[in-house]
Amino acid sequence: AISNTGNWLIGGDLEVIAPIKYSDGLDRFRLTPVELRKKFTKKVVDAVFPFQLRNPIHNGHALLMTDPYRRRLKMGYKNPIFLLHPLGGYTKADDVPLDWQMRQHEKVVSLFLHFINLWFMTVLEDGVLDPETTVVSIFPSPMHYVGPTEVQWHAKARINARANFYIVGRDPAGMSHPVEKRDLYDADHRKKVLSMAPGLKRLNILPFKV
């Protein structure tokens, strides 16, 4: 009987709420997974590869973001899309505030065709991201700095937005030892965890290699 009821089974007391509006000038970047999937469908996308940030883009990020696009084309994909997906929840006190991050991210994309050096990006080549092949959206999760657990959450959550690739740079989810001040996880622990994590068969991990 259950198999004949359709795609959804809902029970209990339900309350439908509207999407949260922060009215901080950034709501247009807060796209839900459904909205992202619709956008990718409209663009007739055949590959989606997100990259997570919690600070402004620098030279190393630029390589992480642009090289996978070229590699997808070489693999035979016709219309790959890069999803610039910065964290939108709380981060460390010394991280750059989200509104300043988004100003920079938007400039990186919007000035691609103008060949203008950005005041925040003197280390980057002129024109980093093509607006035709880039989608900028805020990932609403906070940063918990819980190592392997959070690494898997960051990767698996992007599957909901139709990602089939995931860019992995250095360890972004660890924390320092409270006494010795050394990193609890080495710089490669993230890609090692994701290479053996369950539930990621639909997601191709793209570890960064120099």
Protein backbone atom coordinates (compact mmCIF):
# COMPACT_ATOMS: atom_id res chain seq x y z
CA ALA A 1 0.00 0.00 0.00
CA ILE A 2 2.80 2.41 0.85
CA SER A 3 4.44 1.99 -2.55
CA ASN A 4 1.24 3.25 -4.23
CA THR A 5 0.90 6.45 -2.21
CA GLY A 6 3.27 8.62 -4.24
CA ASN A 7 6.62 10.24 -3.58
CA TRP A 8 5.84 11.70 -0.16
CA LEU A 9 4.41 10.43 3.13
CA ILE A 10 3.76 13.11 5.77
CA GLY A 11 2.28 12.68 9.22
CA GLY A 12 1.82 14.53 12.48
CA ASP A 13 1.19 18.22 13.08
CA LEU A 14 2.60 20.27 10.22
CA GLU A 15 3.39 23.95 9.97
CA VAL A 16 4.55 25.46 6.70
CA ILE A 17 6.81 28.47 7.14
CA ALA A 18 8.14 30.93 4.61
CA PRO A 19 11.87 31.12 3.85
CA ILE A 20 13.76 33.23 6.38
CA LYS A 21 14.52 36.76 5.22
CA TYR A 22 17.46 38.47 6.88
CA SER A 23 16.96 41.81 5.09
CA ASP A 24 20.72 42.39 5.15
CA GLY A 25 21.14 42.90 1.42
CA LEU A 26 22.28 39.30 0.92
CA ASP A 27 18.95 37.45 0.67
CA ARG A 28 19.27 37.27 -3.12
CA PHE A 29 22.30 35.03 -2.60
CA ARG A 30 20.52 32.68 -0.20
CA LEU A 31 19.33 30.13 -2.75
CA THR A 32 17.75 26.92 -1.50
CA PRO A 33 18.77 23.55 -2.99
CA VAL A 34 15.50 23.57 -4.98
CA GLU A 35 16.27 27.03 -6.37
CA LEU A 36 19.79 25.97 -7.29
CA ARG A 37 18.55 22.84 -9.05
CA LYS A 38 16.05 24.90 -11.04
CA LYS A 39 18.80 27.32 -12.03
CA PHE A 40 21.07 24.48 -13.16
CA THR A 41 18.24 22.85 -15.10
CA LYS A 42 17.51 26.14 -16.87
CA LYS A 43 21.17 26.41 -17.83
CA VAL A 44 21.16 22.78 -19.10
CA VAL A 45 24.10 21.95 -16.86
CA ASP A 46 25.83 18.57 -17.06
CA ALA A 47 28.32 19.03 -14.19
CA VAL A 48 28.17 21.05 -10.97
CA PHE A 49 31.28 21.53 -8.84
CA PRO A 50 30.95 23.65 -5.67
CA PHE A 51 33.72 25.21 -3.63
CA GLN A 52 33.25 26.31 -0.03
CA LEU A 53 34.85 29.42 1.44
CA ARG A 54 34.69 31.24 4.75
CA ASN A 55 36.99 34.11 3.77
CA PRO A 56 37.67 36.19 0.63
CA ILE A 57 39.20 34.64 -2.46
CA HIS A 58 42.98 34.58 -2.78
CA ASN A 59 45.40 33.28 -5.39
CA GLY A 60 45.25 29.65 -4.25
CA HIS A 61 41.45 29.73 -4.34
CA ALA A 62 41.58 31.06 -7.90
CA LEU A 63 43.45 27.98 -9.07
CA LEU A 64 41.11 25.67 -7.15
CA MET A 65 38.11 27.30 -8.82
CA THR A 66 39.28 27.62 -12.42
CA ASP A 67 41.31 24.44 -12.98
CA PRO A 68 38.40 22.01 -12.35
CA TYR A 69 36.33 23.80 -14.99
CA ARG A 70 39.00 23.25 -17.64
CA ARG A 71 39.38 19.64 -16.55
CA ARG A 72 35.62 18.98 -16.84
CA LEU A 73 35.72 20.26 -20.41
CA LYS A 74 38.61 17.92 -21.20
CA MET A 75 36.57 15.05 -19.72
CA GLY A 76 33.85 15.72 -22.28
CA TYR A 77 31.35 17.76 -20.27
CA LYS A 78 29.67 20.40 -22.43
CA ASN A 79 28.29 22.79 -19.83
CA PRO A 80 29.94 22.50 -16.40
CA ILE A 81 28.97 25.09 -13.78
CA PHE A 82 31.03 26.32 -10.85
CA LEU A 83 29.08 26.92 -7.63
CA LEU A 84 30.82 29.47 -5.41
CA HIS A 85 29.24 28.45 -2.10
CA PRO A 86 30.60 30.37 0.93
CA LEU A 87 29.48 29.62 4.47
CA GLY A 88 26.70 31.88 5.69
CA GLY A 89 26.55 30.96 9.36
CA TYR A 90 28.87 32.00 12.16
CA THR A 91 32.62 31.51 11.76
CA LYS A 92 35.67 32.48 13.80
CA ALA A 93 35.83 36.00 15.20
CA ASP A 94 38.86 36.83 13.06
CA ASP A 95 37.25 35.70 9.78
CA VAL A 96 36.11 38.35 7.31
CA PRO A 97 32.39 39.19 7.79
CA LEU A 98 29.98 37.62 5.32
CA ASP A 99 28.81 40.90 3.79
CA TRP A 100 32.37 41.83 2.85
CA GLN A 101 32.99 38.35 1.47
CA MET A 102 29.92 38.58 -0.74
CA ARG A 103 30.93 42.00 -2.03
CA GLN A 104 34.22 40.55 -3.14
CA HIS A 105 32.73 37.35 -4.55
CA GLU A 106 30.26 39.35 -6.60
CA LYS A 107 33.01 41.62 -7.91
CA VAL A 108 35.13 38.64 -8.91
CA VAL A 109 32.29 37.36 -11.08
CA SER A 110 30.83 40.64 -12.38
CA LEU A 111 34.17 42.11 -13.42
CA PHE A 112 35.30 39.03 -15.36
CA LEU A 113 34.72 40.71 -18.70
CA HIS A 114 36.14 44.10 -17.73
CA PHE A 115 39.76 43.09 -17.04
CA ILE A 116 39.99 45.26 -13.95
CA ASN A 117 42.28 44.57 -10.98
CA LEU A 118 40.30 44.26 -7.76
CA TRP A 119 41.46 46.14 -4.68
CA PHE A 120 40.90 42.99 -2.62
CA MET A 121 42.57 40.67 -5.12
CA THR A 122 45.90 42.06 -6.25
CA VAL A 123 47.32 38.52 -6.29
CA LEU A 124 44.84 37.30 -8.90
CA GLU A 125 44.83 37.53 -12.64
CA ASP A 126 42.41 39.98 -14.20
CA GLY A 127 39.04 38.33 -14.61
CA VAL A 128 38.84 35.19 -12.51
CA LEU A 129 35.34 33.76 -12.93
CA ASP A 130 33.02 33.84 -15.91
CA PRO A 131 29.47 34.90 -14.90
CA GLU A 132 28.09 32.59 -17.59
CA THR A 133 29.61 29.52 -15.93
CA THR A 134 29.46 30.58 -12.26
CA VAL A 135 26.64 30.64 -9.71
CA VAL A 136 27.18 32.44 -6.40
CA SER A 137 25.06 31.31 -3.46
CA ILE A 138 25.35 31.34 0.33
CA PHE A 139 25.53 27.98 2.11
CA PRO A 140 23.65 28.75 5.37
CA SER A 141 25.57 26.41 7.66
CA PRO A 142 27.73 27.75 10.49
CA MET A 143 31.30 26.55 10.97
CA HIS A 144 31.64 24.11 13.87
CA TYR A 145 35.30 23.09 13.41
CA VAL A 146 34.62 19.45 14.20
CA GLY A 147 37.03 17.83 11.77
CA PRO A 148 35.95 14.67 9.89
CA THR A 149 32.29 14.95 10.91
CA GLU A 150 31.95 18.42 9.46
CA VAL A 151 34.03 17.57 6.39
CA GLN A 152 31.48 14.91 5.43
CA TRP A 153 28.53 17.21 6.15
CA HIS A 154 29.96 19.91 3.88
CA ALA A 155 30.36 17.45 1.02
CA LYS A 156 27.10 15.51 1.39
CA ALA A 157 24.96 18.63 1.78
CA ARG A 158 25.99 19.81 -1.68
CA ILE A 159 24.45 16.72 -3.27
CA ASN A 160 21.05 18.26 -2.51
CA ALA A 161 21.97 21.12 -4.82
CA ARG A 162 22.74 18.65 -7.63
CA ALA A 163 26.50 18.73 -7.22
CA ASN A 164 28.24 15.75 -8.78
CA PHE A 165 31.78 16.99 -8.10
CA TYR A 166 33.24 18.57 -4.97
CA ILE A 167 36.45 20.58 -4.77
CA VAL A 168 38.62 19.74 -1.78
CA GLY A 169 41.43 22.08 -0.82
CA ARG A 170 43.28 22.22 2.50
CA ASP A 171 41.65 21.27 5.79
CA PRO A 172 38.90 23.84 6.45
CA ALA A 173 37.09 22.12 9.29
CA GLY A 174 39.69 21.50 11.99
CA MET A 175 40.80 23.43 15.03
CA SER A 176 43.98 24.04 16.99
CA HIS A 177 45.10 22.10 20.05
CA PRO A 178 43.99 24.10 23.12
CA VAL A 179 47.43 23.97 24.74
CA GLU A 180 50.04 23.25 22.09
CA LYS A 181 48.38 25.49 19.46
CA ARG A 182 49.17 22.99 16.71
CA ASP A 183 46.51 21.86 14.25
CA LEU A 184 44.63 18.78 15.42
CA TYR A 185 44.29 17.55 11.83
CA ASP A 186 46.89 17.67 9.10
CA ALA A 187 46.29 19.64 5.92
CA ASP A 188 45.34 16.53 3.91
CA HIS A 189 42.90 14.96 6.36
CA ARG A 190 39.84 16.28 4.52
CA LYS A 191 40.51 14.54 1.22
CA LYS A 192 41.56 11.38 3.07
CA VAL A 193 38.27 11.30 4.98
CA LEU A 194 36.17 11.92 1.88
CA SER A 195 38.01 9.23 -0.08
CA MET A 196 36.65 6.61 2.34
CA ALA A 197 33.42 8.23 3.58
CA PRO A 198 30.16 6.28 3.06
CA GLY A 199 27.26 7.81 1.18
CA LEU A 200 29.34 9.76 -1.34
CA LYS A 201 29.04 7.49 -4.35
CA ARG A 202 27.17 10.20 -6.27
CA LEU A 203 29.86 12.78 -5.56
CA ASN A 204 33.22 12.78 -7.31
CA ILE A 205 35.85 14.27 -5.01
CA LEU A 206 38.33 16.65 -6.65
CA PRO A 207 41.35 16.84 -4.33
CA PHE A 208 43.65 19.75 -5.08
CA LYS A 209 47.11 18.76 -6.26
CA VAL A 210 49.98 21.17 -6.78
